[in-house]
Amino acid sequence: MRIRKISEVIGSKVYTDSGDYFGEIEEANLHENKVDGWRIKVGGSIVSLIGGARGVIIPHQFVKAISDIFIINKTALPSSESSIEEVPEDLI
């Protein structure tokens, strides 16, 4: 396993585990020096599913793989509103 710096993954494409494009990594949220979540600039058809929001925060527990791309668990999609936190527009 290769350890990556957070700065290396900023801008990475994010896909669901079913192959749908989700967006791009904008920032990591840290808590006690550990990644707690990822702020993702939403793109593709996902924008219409989340009411036009331009960004969301996905808890790190929904990330399945990090390499050249991020793969997140499909349960992180808006059908489970409690798992996605909308990012205020002034932070995007």
Protein backbone atom coordinates (compact mmCIF):
# COMPACT_ATOMS: atom_id res chain seq x y z
CA MET A 1 0.00 0.00 0.00
CA ARG A 2 1.32 3.42 -0.96
CA ILE A 3 0.71 6.34 1.39
CA ARG A 4 -0.38 9.51 -0.41
CA LYS A 5 -0.34 13.11 0.69
CA ILE A 6 -3.66 14.92 0.78
CA SER A 7 -2.28 17.50 -1.63
CA GLU A 8 -1.75 14.70 -4.19
CA VAL A 9 -5.43 13.73 -4.23
CA ILE A 10 -6.96 17.22 -4.43
CA GLY A 11 -8.57 17.46 -7.87
CA SER A 12 -8.96 13.68 -8.23
CA LYS A 13 -12.08 12.42 -9.99
CA VAL A 14 -14.67 10.68 -7.81
CA TYR A 15 -16.82 7.77 -9.01
CA THR A 16 -19.37 5.59 -7.26
CA ASP A 17 -18.73 1.88 -6.90
CA SER A 18 -21.26 1.36 -9.70
CA GLY A 19 -19.17 3.49 -12.10
CA ASP A 20 -21.15 6.77 -12.03
CA TYR A 21 -19.16 10.00 -12.14
CA PHE A 22 -19.70 11.93 -8.89
CA GLY A 23 -17.32 14.92 -9.03
CA GLU A 24 -13.84 16.08 -7.93
CA ILE A 25 -12.10 16.24 -4.56
CA GLU A 26 -11.76 19.85 -3.37
CA GLU A 27 -10.59 19.47 0.20
CA ALA A 28 -10.10 17.06 3.07
CA ASN A 29 -11.74 17.63 6.46
CA LEU A 30 -9.42 16.65 9.29
CA HIS A 31 -10.26 15.77 12.87
CA GLU A 32 -7.47 14.98 15.36
CA ASN A 33 -4.96 14.65 12.51
CA LYS A 34 -7.08 12.05 10.65
CA VAL A 35 -9.25 12.45 7.55
CA ASP A 36 -12.85 12.73 8.70
CA GLY A 37 -14.48 13.56 5.35
CA TRP A 38 -13.97 14.84 1.83
CA ARG A 39 -15.46 17.94 0.25
CA ILE A 40 -16.44 17.06 -3.30
CA LYS A 41 -17.39 19.46 -6.07
CA VAL A 42 -20.34 17.62 -7.59
CA GLY A 43 -20.52 17.09 -11.33
CA GLY A 44 -22.37 15.11 -13.95
CA SER A 45 -25.93 13.87 -13.46
CA ILE A 46 -25.51 13.83 -9.66
CA VAL A 47 -26.15 17.61 -9.49
CA SER A 48 -29.83 17.13 -10.30
CA LEU A 49 -30.17 14.45 -7.60
CA ILE A 50 -29.03 16.75 -4.82
CA GLY A 51 -31.17 19.75 -5.66
CA GLY A 52 -28.56 21.75 -7.55
CA ALA A 53 -25.98 21.89 -4.75
CA ARG A 54 -22.48 22.36 -6.11
CA GLY A 55 -20.68 20.52 -3.36
CA VAL A 56 -21.12 17.91 -0.65
CA ILE A 57 -19.09 16.48 2.19
CA ILE A 58 -18.77 12.71 2.10
CA PRO A 59 -17.62 11.02 5.34
CA HIS A 60 -14.38 9.09 4.88
CA GLN A 61 -16.13 5.84 5.84
CA PHE A 62 -17.85 5.89 2.41
CA VAL A 63 -14.54 5.92 0.50
CA LYS A 64 -13.76 2.46 -0.87
CA ALA A 65 -10.52 3.23 -2.73
CA ILE A 66 -8.07 6.06 -3.33
CA SER A 67 -5.62 5.92 -6.21
CA ASP A 68 -5.67 7.87 -9.47
CA ILE A 69 -9.41 8.22 -8.78
CA PHE A 70 -11.62 7.99 -5.69
CA ILE A 71 -14.28 5.32 -5.47
CA ILE A 72 -17.09 5.93 -3.01
CA ASN A 73 -19.81 3.61 -1.82
CA LYS A 74 -23.09 4.13 -3.67
CA THR A 75 -24.85 4.48 -0.29
CA ALA A 76 -23.21 7.93 -0.08
CA LEU A 77 -25.62 9.13 -2.78
CA PRO A 78 -28.52 11.44 -1.87
CA SER A 79 -31.01 8.61 -1.40
CA SER A 80 -29.55 8.50 2.11
CA GLU A 81 -29.80 12.17 3.11
CA SER A 82 -28.19 11.58 6.49
CA SER A 83 -24.93 10.52 4.87
CA ILE A 84 -24.43 13.66 2.78
CA GLU A 85 -23.93 17.13 4.13
CA GLU A 86 -24.49 19.99 1.69
CA VAL A 87 -21.68 22.54 1.53
CA PRO A 88 -22.75 26.19 1.76
CA GLU A 89 -22.09 28.03 -1.52
CA ASP A 90 -19.80 30.59 0.12
CA LEU A 91 -17.35 27.76 0.96
CA ILE A 92 -17.16 26.49 -2.62
